[in-house]
């Protein structure tokens, strides 16, 4: 299915009947990442999963976005489909969006399920700081007057060398969006969240470390953390049976 929001064609899936669950995917992913969870609960819930702009089958935006653009999109999407205040599921970047939505009362979900959610700026290692500084020096040199054009190839190679896999795989508009998102820290607003929240996290997640989950758990009033042993950043995909069992228990689904 597709819907036009602010001139963007947004793809989504809509399956099942009952109270609404809204699924927000992670960076570089799509609504299809939630197929296993949706299949498990759509007998009891109406499951709606959206493709964010530039991912899956949704149209890419013309200019870089910030986190507020994502929360606005979700709000307008829910209003257009008359979804009210759904239960929100979020993975990684989708979790970041969900945290912002709940904290700022953009929507008022009674419950949230967050898988390996982003939203905190982790403490950077010395190696990471050195790499970032090295790239800034190269970028500064390559963008000096008269050097931008002849150094374009060097700058692109530097981006490929120093940038993350997500950054390098993205077109320019999404690269700039990603930079904005990863430099947004939500820890100071988490205490405003009233939704009953279940965190499901991979023990070995390196993208959003388990330490982040413990911070989020400590700041949300009604929050529980379920750690999946040996799992990484895609815990609910790596161990679907365990993740689905935790979700069903949280939602009261037999």
C-alpha atoms as a PDB file:
ATOM      1  CA  UNK A   1       0.000   0.000   0.000  1.00  0.00           C
ATOM      2  CA  UNK A   2       1.044   3.614  -0.557  1.00  0.00           C
ATOM      3  CA  UNK A   3       0.066   6.995   0.827  1.00  0.00           C
ATOM      4  CA  UNK A   4       1.276  10.473  -0.128  1.00  0.00           C
ATOM      5  CA  UNK A   5       2.489  12.615   2.763  1.00  0.00           C
ATOM      6  CA  UNK A   6       3.839  16.084   2.046  1.00  0.00           C
ATOM      7  CA  UNK A   7       4.560  15.104  -1.551  1.00  0.00           C
ATOM      8  CA  UNK A   8       6.366  11.859  -0.698  1.00  0.00           C
ATOM      9  CA  UNK A   9       4.998   8.459  -1.703  1.00  0.00           C
ATOM     10  CA  UNK A  10       5.248   6.346   1.434  1.00  0.00           C
ATOM     11  CA  UNK A  11       4.900   2.563   1.268  1.00  0.00           C
ATOM     12  CA  UNK A  12       3.486   0.540   4.146  1.00  0.00           C
ATOM     13  CA  UNK A  13       1.984  -2.838   4.951  1.00  0.00           C
ATOM     14  CA  UNK A  14      -1.284  -3.295   6.837  1.00  0.00           C
ATOM     15  CA  UNK A  15      -2.189  -6.765   8.107  1.00  0.00           C
ATOM     16  CA  UNK A  16      -4.382  -8.258  10.816  1.00  0.00           C
ATOM     17  CA  UNK A  17      -7.209  -6.919  12.972  1.00  0.00           C
ATOM     18  CA  UNK A  18      -7.482  -5.501  16.461  1.00  0.00           C
ATOM     19  CA  UNK A  19      -5.604  -2.819  18.404  1.00  0.00           C
ATOM     20  CA  UNK A  20      -3.025  -1.088  16.205  1.00  0.00           C
ATOM     21  CA  UNK A  21       0.700  -1.816  16.327  1.00  0.00           C
ATOM     22  CA  UNK A  22       2.942   0.542  14.358  1.00  0.00           C
ATOM     23  CA  UNK A  23       6.355  -0.755  13.288  1.00  0.00           C
ATOM     24  CA  UNK A  24       9.278   1.617  12.611  1.00  0.00           C
ATOM     25  CA  UNK A  25      12.330   0.031  10.996  1.00  0.00           C
ATOM     26  CA  UNK A  26      16.037   0.690  11.418  1.00  0.00           C
ATOM     27  CA  UNK A  27      18.457   2.557   9.171  1.00  0.00           C
ATOM     28  CA  UNK A  28      19.094   0.816   5.858  1.00  0.00           C
ATOM     29  CA  UNK A  29      16.209  -1.585   6.446  1.00  0.00           C
ATOM     30  CA  UNK A  30      12.515  -1.677   5.533  1.00  0.00           C
ATOM     31  CA  UNK A  31       9.162  -2.782   6.877  1.00  0.00           C
ATOM     32  CA  UNK A  32       9.958  -6.339   5.731  1.00  0.00           C
ATOM     33  CA  UNK A  33      12.351  -6.696   8.689  1.00  0.00           C
ATOM     34  CA  UNK A  34       9.291  -7.151  10.905  1.00  0.00           C
ATOM     35  CA  UNK A  35       7.679  -9.971   8.943  1.00  0.00           C
ATOM     36  CA  UNK A  36       8.340 -12.551  11.656  1.00  0.00           C
ATOM     37  CA  UNK A  37       6.918 -10.462  14.487  1.00  0.00           C
ATOM     38  CA  UNK A  38       3.915  -9.362  12.429  1.00  0.00           C
ATOM     39  CA  UNK A  39       3.090 -12.946  11.441  1.00  0.00           C
ATOM     40  CA  UNK A  40       3.180 -13.954  15.100  1.00  0.00           C
ATOM     41  CA  UNK A  41       0.769 -11.297  16.420  1.00  0.00           C
ATOM     42  CA  UNK A  42      -1.472 -10.259  13.515  1.00  0.00           C
ATOM     43  CA  UNK A  43      -4.140 -12.668  14.713  1.00  0.00           C
ATOM     44  CA  UNK A  44      -4.630 -10.350  17.679  1.00  0.00           C
ATOM     45  CA  UNK A  45      -3.442  -6.980  16.405  1.00  0.00           C
ATOM     46  CA  UNK A  46      -3.651  -4.807  13.326  1.00  0.00           C
ATOM     47  CA  UNK A  47       0.001  -4.507  12.286  1.00  0.00           C
ATOM     48  CA  UNK A  48       1.105  -1.520  10.215  1.00  0.00           C
ATOM     49  CA  UNK A  49       4.738  -1.145   9.168  1.00  0.00           C
ATOM     50  CA  UNK A  50       6.036   1.875   7.297  1.00  0.00           C
ATOM     51  CA  UNK A  51       9.011   2.293   4.949  1.00  0.00           C
ATOM     52  CA  UNK A  52      10.829   5.487   5.863  1.00  0.00           C
ATOM     53  CA  UNK A  53      11.681   7.813   2.918  1.00  0.00           C
ATOM     54  CA  UNK A  54      14.617   6.505   0.920  1.00  0.00           C
ATOM     55  CA  UNK A  55      14.212   2.924   2.138  1.00  0.00           C
ATOM     56  CA  UNK A  56      12.179  -0.051   1.005  1.00  0.00           C
ATOM     57  CA  UNK A  57       9.598   1.112  -1.527  1.00  0.00           C
ATOM     58  CA  UNK A  58       9.201   4.680  -0.269  1.00  0.00           C
ATOM     59  CA  UNK A  59      10.289   7.752  -2.205  1.00  0.00           C
ATOM     60  CA  UNK A  60      13.492   9.481  -1.083  1.00  0.00           C
ATOM     61  CA  UNK A  61      13.295  13.043   0.222  1.00  0.00           C
ATOM     62  CA  UNK A  62      14.877  15.947  -1.667  1.00  0.00           C
ATOM     63  CA  UNK A  63      16.723  17.477   1.303  1.00  0.00           C
ATOM     64  CA  UNK A  64      18.353  16.077   4.445  1.00  0.00           C
ATOM     65  CA  UNK A  65      16.084  15.345   7.393  1.00  0.00           C
ATOM     66  CA  UNK A  66      16.477  15.673  11.133  1.00  0.00           C
ATOM     67  CA  UNK A  67      14.751  13.624  13.818  1.00  0.00           C
ATOM     68  CA  UNK A  68      11.826  16.064  13.976  1.00  0.00           C
ATOM     69  CA  UNK A  69      11.081  15.376  10.308  1.00  0.00           C
ATOM     70  CA  UNK A  70      10.702  11.664  11.069  1.00  0.00           C
ATOM     71  CA  UNK A  71       8.418  12.242  14.039  1.00  0.00           C
ATOM     72  CA  UNK A  72       6.316  14.634  11.957  1.00  0.00           C
ATOM     73  CA  UNK A  73       5.990  12.027   9.212  1.00  0.00           C
ATOM     74  CA  UNK A  74       4.825   9.390  11.690  1.00  0.00           C
ATOM     75  CA  UNK A  75       2.311  11.797  13.233  1.00  0.00           C
ATOM     76  CA  UNK A  76       0.873  12.723   9.829  1.00  0.00           C
ATOM     77  CA  UNK A  77       0.814   9.073   8.756  1.00  0.00           C
ATOM     78  CA  UNK A  78      -1.145   8.066  11.856  1.00  0.00           C
ATOM     79  CA  UNK A  79      -3.538  10.976  11.396  1.00  0.00           C
ATOM     80  CA  UNK A  80      -4.145  10.134   7.726  1.00  0.00           C
ATOM     81  CA  UNK A  81      -4.954   6.506   8.557  1.00  0.00           C
ATOM     82  CA  UNK A  82      -6.853   7.450  11.734  1.00  0.00           C
ATOM     83  CA  UNK A  83      -4.692   5.150  13.849  1.00  0.00           C
ATOM     84  CA  UNK A  84      -5.003   7.064  17.107  1.00  0.00           C
ATOM     85  CA  UNK A  85      -2.173   6.251  19.522  1.00  0.00           C
ATOM     86  CA  UNK A  86      -0.850   2.830  18.462  1.00  0.00           C
ATOM     87  CA  UNK A  87       1.499   0.496  20.260  1.00  0.00           C
ATOM     88  CA  UNK A  88       4.868   1.394  18.759  1.00  0.00           C
ATOM     89  CA  UNK A  89       7.620  -1.037  17.794  1.00  0.00           C
ATOM     90  CA  UNK A  90      11.018   0.372  16.852  1.00  0.00           C
ATOM     91  CA  UNK A  91      14.347  -1.118  15.823  1.00  0.00           C
ATOM     92  CA  UNK A  92      17.566   0.918  15.876  1.00  0.00           C
ATOM     93  CA  UNK A  93      16.732   4.221  14.142  1.00  0.00           C
ATOM     94  CA  UNK A  94      13.044   3.351  14.419  1.00  0.00           C
ATOM     95  CA  UNK A  95      13.582   3.070  18.160  1.00  0.00           C
ATOM     96  CA  UNK A  96      15.127   6.532  18.166  1.00  0.00           C
ATOM     97  CA  UNK A  97      12.025   7.900  16.445  1.00  0.00           C
ATOM     98  CA  UNK A  98       9.750   6.050  18.873  1.00  0.00           C
ATOM     99  CA  UNK A  99      11.575   7.429  21.928  1.00  0.00           C
ATOM    100  CA  UNK A 100      11.243  10.987  20.645  1.00  0.00           C
ATOM    101  CA  UNK A 101       7.557  10.500  19.820  1.00  0.00           C
ATOM    102  CA  UNK A 102       6.741   9.138  23.273  1.00  0.00           C
ATOM    103  CA  UNK A 103       8.860  11.626  25.216  1.00  0.00           C
ATOM    104  CA  UNK A 104       7.490  14.685  23.429  1.00  0.00           C
ATOM    105  CA  UNK A 105       3.892  13.349  23.449  1.00  0.00           C
ATOM    106  CA  UNK A 106       3.722  13.590  19.649  1.00  0.00           C
ATOM    107  CA  UNK A 107       1.693  10.416  20.032  1.00  0.00           C
ATOM    108  CA  UNK A 108       0.723   8.831  23.349  1.00  0.00           C
ATOM    109  CA  UNK A 109       1.357   5.092  23.017  1.00  0.00           C
ATOM    110  CA  UNK A 110       0.319   2.999  25.997  1.00  0.00           C
ATOM    111  CA  UNK A 111       3.063   0.507  25.175  1.00  0.00           C
ATOM    112  CA  UNK A 112       6.327   0.390  23.206  1.00  0.00           C
ATOM    113  CA  UNK A 113       8.619  -2.460  22.181  1.00  0.00           C
ATOM    114  CA  UNK A 114      12.122  -1.350  21.233  1.00  0.00           C
ATOM    115  CA  UNK A 115      14.682  -3.656  19.654  1.00  0.00           C
ATOM    116  CA  UNK A 116      18.314  -2.494  19.983  1.00  0.00           C
ATOM    117  CA  UNK A 117      17.170   1.118  19.845  1.00  0.00           C
ATOM    118  CA  UNK A 118      19.336   4.067  18.860  1.00  0.00           C
ATOM    119  CA  UNK A 119      18.969   7.465  20.486  1.00  0.00           C
ATOM    120  CA  UNK A 120      22.019   7.922  22.684  1.00  0.00           C
ATOM    121  CA  UNK A 121      25.404   9.230  21.627  1.00  0.00           C
ATOM    122  CA  UNK A 122      27.875   6.602  22.880  1.00  0.00           C
ATOM    123  CA  UNK A 123      31.190   7.534  24.401  1.00  0.00           C
ATOM    124  CA  UNK A 124      33.684   7.507  21.554  1.00  0.00           C
ATOM    125  CA  UNK A 125      36.877   5.493  21.794  1.00  0.00           C
ATOM    126  CA  UNK A 126      40.271   7.072  21.162  1.00  0.00           C
ATOM    127  CA  UNK A 127      40.438   5.245  17.818  1.00  0.00           C
ATOM    128  CA  UNK A 128      37.048   6.643  16.781  1.00  0.00           C
ATOM    129  CA  UNK A 129      38.034  10.171  17.785  1.00  0.00           C
ATOM    130  CA  UNK A 130      41.296   9.935  15.840  1.00  0.00           C
ATOM    131  CA  UNK A 131      39.496   8.677  12.729  1.00  0.00           C
ATOM    132  CA  UNK A 132      36.923  11.473  12.944  1.00  0.00           C
ATOM    133  CA  UNK A 133      39.635  14.083  13.392  1.00  0.00           C
ATOM    134  CA  UNK A 134      41.634  12.693  10.475  1.00  0.00           C
ATOM    135  CA  UNK A 135      38.631  12.873   8.166  1.00  0.00           C
ATOM    136  CA  UNK A 136      37.862  16.455   9.237  1.00  0.00           C
ATOM    137  CA  UNK A 137      41.439  17.489   8.411  1.00  0.00           C
ATOM    138  CA  UNK A 138      41.255  15.883   4.957  1.00  0.00           C
ATOM    139  CA  UNK A 139      37.805  17.357   4.316  1.00  0.00           C
ATOM    140  CA  UNK A 140      39.004  20.819   5.365  1.00  0.00           C
ATOM    141  CA  UNK A 141      41.938  20.613   2.969  1.00  0.00           C
ATOM    142  CA  UNK A 142      39.875  19.263   0.065  1.00  0.00           C
ATOM    143  CA  UNK A 143      37.267  22.007   0.356  1.00  0.00           C
ATOM    144  CA  UNK A 144      39.702  24.930   0.308  1.00  0.00           C
ATOM    145  CA  UNK A 145      39.103  27.492  -2.487  1.00  0.00           C
ATOM    146  CA  UNK A 146      40.542  26.172  -5.731  1.00  0.00           C
ATOM    147  CA  UNK A 147      40.992  22.620  -4.404  1.00  0.00           C
ATOM    148  CA  UNK A 148      37.409  21.395  -4.232  1.00  0.00           C
ATOM    149  CA  UNK A 149      37.225  20.154  -7.820  1.00  0.00           C
ATOM    150  CA  UNK A 150      40.717  18.624  -8.169  1.00  0.00           C
ATOM    151  CA  UNK A 151      40.435  16.988  -4.738  1.00  0.00           C
ATOM    152  CA  UNK A 152      36.927  15.556  -5.255  1.00  0.00           C
ATOM    153  CA  UNK A 153      38.294  12.056  -5.802  1.00  0.00           C
ATOM    154  CA  UNK A 154      40.490  12.235  -2.697  1.00  0.00           C
ATOM    155  CA  UNK A 155      37.566  13.403  -0.557  1.00  0.00           C
ATOM    156  CA  UNK A 156      35.350  10.582  -1.806  1.00  0.00           C
ATOM    157  CA  UNK A 157      38.064   8.007  -1.051  1.00  0.00           C
ATOM    158  CA  UNK A 158      38.402   9.480   2.429  1.00  0.00           C
ATOM    159  CA  UNK A 159      34.653   9.176   2.963  1.00  0.00           C
ATOM    160  CA  UNK A 160      34.780   5.544   1.895  1.00  0.00           C
ATOM    161  CA  UNK A 161      37.740   4.821   4.168  1.00  0.00           C
ATOM    162  CA  UNK A 162      36.644   6.665   7.293  1.00  0.00           C
ATOM    163  CA  UNK A 163      32.861   6.426   6.984  1.00  0.00           C
ATOM    164  CA  UNK A 164      30.670   3.664   8.418  1.00  0.00           C
ATOM    165  CA  UNK A 165      29.074   1.033   6.192  1.00  0.00           C
ATOM    166  CA  UNK A 166      25.686   2.747   6.589  1.00  0.00           C
ATOM    167  CA  UNK A 167      27.195   6.103   5.651  1.00  0.00           C
ATOM    168  CA  UNK A 168      29.035   4.803   2.611  1.00  0.00           C
ATOM    169  CA  UNK A 169      26.015   2.905   1.297  1.00  0.00           C
ATOM    170  CA  UNK A 170      23.746   5.946   1.402  1.00  0.00           C
ATOM    171  CA  UNK A 171      23.179   8.597  -1.284  1.00  0.00           C
ATOM    172  CA  UNK A 172      24.251  12.160  -0.327  1.00  0.00           C
ATOM    173  CA  UNK A 173      20.881  13.277   1.074  1.00  0.00           C
ATOM    174  CA  UNK A 174      20.754  10.253   3.377  1.00  0.00           C
ATOM    175  CA  UNK A 175      24.404  10.673   4.366  1.00  0.00           C
ATOM    176  CA  UNK A 176      23.673  14.165   5.634  1.00  0.00           C
ATOM    177  CA  UNK A 177      20.554  12.877   7.360  1.00  0.00           C
ATOM    178  CA  UNK A 178      22.510  10.115   9.089  1.00  0.00           C
ATOM    179  CA  UNK A 179      25.108  12.579  10.377  1.00  0.00           C
ATOM    180  CA  UNK A 180      22.330  14.665  11.928  1.00  0.00           C
ATOM    181  CA  UNK A 181      20.669  11.641  13.515  1.00  0.00           C
ATOM    182  CA  UNK A 182      23.742  10.063  15.085  1.00  0.00           C
ATOM    183  CA  UNK A 183      24.596  13.395  16.708  1.00  0.00           C
ATOM    184  CA  UNK A 184      21.195  13.596  18.417  1.00  0.00           C
ATOM    185  CA  UNK A 185      21.111  12.441  22.038  1.00  0.00           C
ATOM    186  CA  UNK A 186      17.753  11.792  23.711  1.00  0.00           C
ATOM    187  CA  UNK A 187      18.848  10.787  27.213  1.00  0.00           C
ATOM    188  CA  UNK A 188      17.673  14.080  28.783  1.00  0.00           C
ATOM    189  CA  UNK A 189      14.051  13.579  27.688  1.00  0.00           C
ATOM    190  CA  UNK A 190      13.618   9.861  28.396  1.00  0.00           C
ATOM    191  CA  UNK A 191      12.165  10.511  31.859  1.00  0.00           C
ATOM    192  CA  UNK A 192       9.134  12.110  30.166  1.00  0.00           C
ATOM    193  CA  UNK A 193       8.091   8.787  28.626  1.00  0.00           C
ATOM    194  CA  UNK A 194       4.928   7.375  30.174  1.00  0.00           C
ATOM    195  CA  UNK A 195       4.455   4.344  27.913  1.00  0.00           C
ATOM    196  CA  UNK A 196       5.055   0.922  29.381  1.00  0.00           C
ATOM    197  CA  UNK A 197       8.217  -0.080  27.516  1.00  0.00           C
ATOM    198  CA  UNK A 198       9.902  -3.383  26.743  1.00  0.00           C
ATOM    199  CA  UNK A 199      13.517  -3.268  25.580  1.00  0.00           C
ATOM    200  CA  UNK A 200      14.771  -6.338  23.699  1.00  0.00           C
ATOM    201  CA  UNK A 201      18.518  -6.193  23.166  1.00  0.00           C
ATOM    202  CA  UNK A 202      21.327  -8.273  21.773  1.00  0.00           C
ATOM    203  CA  UNK A 203      23.985  -9.110  24.337  1.00  0.00           C
ATOM    204  CA  UNK A 204      26.737  -8.476  21.783  1.00  0.00           C
ATOM    205  CA  UNK A 205      25.248  -5.448  20.035  1.00  0.00           C
ATOM    206  CA  UNK A 206      28.097  -3.159  18.977  1.00  0.00           C
ATOM    207  CA  UNK A 207      26.015  -0.586  17.071  1.00  0.00           C
ATOM    208  CA  UNK A 208      23.840   0.300  20.067  1.00  0.00           C
ATOM    209  CA  UNK A 209      25.654  -1.304  23.015  1.00  0.00           C
ATOM    210  CA  UNK A 210      23.892  -3.005  25.894  1.00  0.00           C
ATOM    211  CA  UNK A 211      25.113  -0.167  28.105  1.00  0.00           C
ATOM    212  CA  UNK A 212      22.752   2.125  26.172  1.00  0.00           C
ATOM    213  CA  UNK A 213      19.831  -0.179  26.954  1.00  0.00           C
ATOM    214  CA  UNK A 214      20.609  -0.012  30.669  1.00  0.00           C
ATOM    215  CA  UNK A 215      20.634   3.794  30.553  1.00  0.00           C
ATOM    216  CA  UNK A 216      17.293   3.851  28.737  1.00  0.00           C
ATOM    217  CA  UNK A 217      15.837   1.339  31.205  1.00  0.00           C
ATOM    218  CA  UNK A 218      16.942   3.459  34.165  1.00  0.00           C
ATOM    219  CA  UNK A 219      15.311   6.622  32.809  1.00  0.00           C
ATOM    220  CA  UNK A 220      11.907   5.351  31.641  1.00  0.00           C
ATOM    221  CA  UNK A 221       9.564   4.944  34.600  1.00  0.00           C
ATOM    222  CA  UNK A 222       7.848   1.744  33.451  1.00  0.00           C
ATOM    223  CA  UNK A 223      10.499  -0.156  31.544  1.00  0.00           C
ATOM    224  CA  UNK A 224      11.929  -3.665  31.403  1.00  0.00           C
ATOM    225  CA  UNK A 225      14.997  -5.022  29.620  1.00  0.00           C
ATOM    226  CA  UNK A 226      15.201  -8.482  28.044  1.00  0.00           C
ATOM    227  CA  UNK A 227      18.688  -9.439  26.860  1.00  0.00           C
ATOM    228  CA  UNK A 228      19.083 -12.093  24.164  1.00  0.00           C
ATOM    229  CA  UNK A 229      22.352 -13.959  24.694  1.00  0.00           C
ATOM    230  CA  UNK A 230      24.828 -14.126  21.803  1.00  0.00           C
ATOM    231  CA  UNK A 231      22.687 -11.794  19.672  1.00  0.00           C
ATOM    232  CA  UNK A 232      23.912  -8.640  17.994  1.00  0.00           C
ATOM    233  CA  UNK A 233      22.191  -5.515  16.686  1.00  0.00           C
ATOM    234  CA  UNK A 234      19.492  -7.531  14.913  1.00  0.00           C
ATOM    235  CA  UNK A 235      18.499  -9.559  17.950  1.00  0.00           C
ATOM    236  CA  UNK A 236      14.864 -10.055  16.908  1.00  0.00           C
ATOM    237  CA  UNK A 237      15.941 -11.346  13.484  1.00  0.00           C
ATOM    238  CA  UNK A 238      18.804 -13.503  14.755  1.00  0.00           C
ATOM    239  CA  UNK A 239      16.666 -15.161  17.443  1.00  0.00           C
ATOM    240  CA  UNK A 240      13.063 -14.681  16.276  1.00  0.00           C
ATOM    241  CA  UNK A 241      11.560 -17.336  18.532  1.00  0.00           C
ATOM    242  CA  UNK A 242      12.967 -15.756  21.679  1.00  0.00           C
ATOM    243  CA  UNK A 243      12.036 -12.235  20.610  1.00  0.00           C
ATOM    244  CA  UNK A 244       8.483 -13.194  19.634  1.00  0.00           C
ATOM    245  CA  UNK A 245       7.951 -15.000  22.939  1.00  0.00           C
ATOM    246  CA  UNK A 246       9.012 -11.882  24.837  1.00  0.00           C
ATOM    247  CA  UNK A 247       6.735  -9.682  22.707  1.00  0.00           C
ATOM    248  CA  UNK A 248       3.745 -11.984  23.190  1.00  0.00           C
ATOM    249  CA  UNK A 249       4.269 -12.067  26.945  1.00  0.00           C
ATOM    250  CA  UNK A 250       4.463  -8.282  27.075  1.00  0.00           C
ATOM    251  CA  UNK A 251       1.312  -7.858  24.987  1.00  0.00           C
ATOM    252  CA  UNK A 252      -0.570 -10.660  26.766  1.00  0.00           C
ATOM    253  CA  UNK A 253      -0.898 -12.753  23.594  1.00  0.00           C
ATOM    254  CA  UNK A 254      -1.181 -16.524  24.012  1.00  0.00           C
END
